[in-house]
Amino acid sequence: MGRTLLKYEHLPAALNWERTRAHWWAQQGYVRYANDCHHRAEALERRLFEGPEVE
């Protein structure tokens, strides 16, 4: 997921979605997929923490 593909205001929803997917994959026993979702969620969280990009 590229930085330009997701607007700042959509980040909270995307973060929630990745966390939900990570939890679901973990429940199914697919650790690799859960970890992928978790890493994407961490990246989204970092972007949220940085704040909106100023152009």
Protein backbone atom coordinates (compact mmCIF):
# COMPACT_ATOMS: atom_id res chain seq x y z
CA MET A 1 0.00 0.00 0.00
CA GLY A 2 1.68 3.19 -1.16
CA ARG A 3 1.67 6.38 0.83
CA THR A 4 -0.22 8.28 -1.88
CA LEU A 5 -3.00 5.69 -2.15
CA LEU A 6 -4.54 6.43 1.24
CA LYS A 7 -5.72 9.84 2.42
CA TYR A 8 -4.92 10.82 5.99
CA GLU A 9 -8.59 10.89 7.00
CA HIS A 10 -8.96 7.26 5.90
CA LEU A 11 -6.10 6.00 8.07
CA PRO A 12 -8.14 5.26 11.23
CA ALA A 13 -10.55 3.02 9.29
CA ALA A 14 -7.68 1.27 7.50
CA LEU A 15 -5.87 0.75 10.81
CA ASN A 16 -8.99 -0.76 12.37
CA TRP A 17 -9.46 -3.03 9.33
CA GLU A 18 -5.87 -4.35 9.47
CA ARG A 19 -6.15 -4.98 13.22
CA THR A 20 -9.41 -6.87 12.68
CA ARG A 21 -7.86 -8.95 9.90
CA ALA A 22 -4.78 -9.71 12.02
CA HIS A 23 -7.01 -10.91 14.85
CA TRP A 24 -9.12 -13.03 12.48
CA TRP A 25 -6.10 -14.66 10.80
CA ALA A 26 -4.57 -15.41 14.21
CA GLN A 27 -7.80 -17.11 15.30
CA GLN A 28 -7.69 -19.27 12.16
CA GLY A 29 -4.12 -20.27 12.98
CA TYR A 30 -2.48 -18.42 10.07
CA VAL A 31 0.35 -16.70 11.90
CA ARG A 32 2.11 -15.47 8.76
CA TYR A 33 -0.98 -13.65 7.45
CA ALA A 34 -1.71 -12.28 10.92
CA ASN A 35 1.84 -10.91 11.13
CA ASP A 36 1.53 -9.29 7.68
CA CYS A 37 -1.64 -7.51 8.79
CA HIS A 38 -0.04 -6.53 12.07
CA HIS A 39 2.96 -4.98 10.27
CA ARG A 40 0.66 -3.03 7.95
CA ALA A 41 -1.28 -1.81 11.00
CA GLU A 42 1.97 -0.66 12.62
CA ALA A 43 2.90 1.28 9.47
CA LEU A 44 -0.52 2.93 9.40
CA GLU A 45 -0.19 3.80 13.07
CA ARG A 46 3.18 5.48 12.40
CA ARG A 47 1.59 7.52 9.59
CA LEU A 48 -1.23 8.58 11.91
CA PHE A 49 1.27 9.60 14.56
CA GLU A 50 3.27 11.68 12.04
CA GLY A 51 0.17 13.70 11.17
CA PRO A 52 -1.12 14.81 7.78
CA GLU A 53 1.46 15.55 5.11
CA VAL A 54 1.76 19.20 4.17
CA GLU A 55 2.08 19.92 0.47
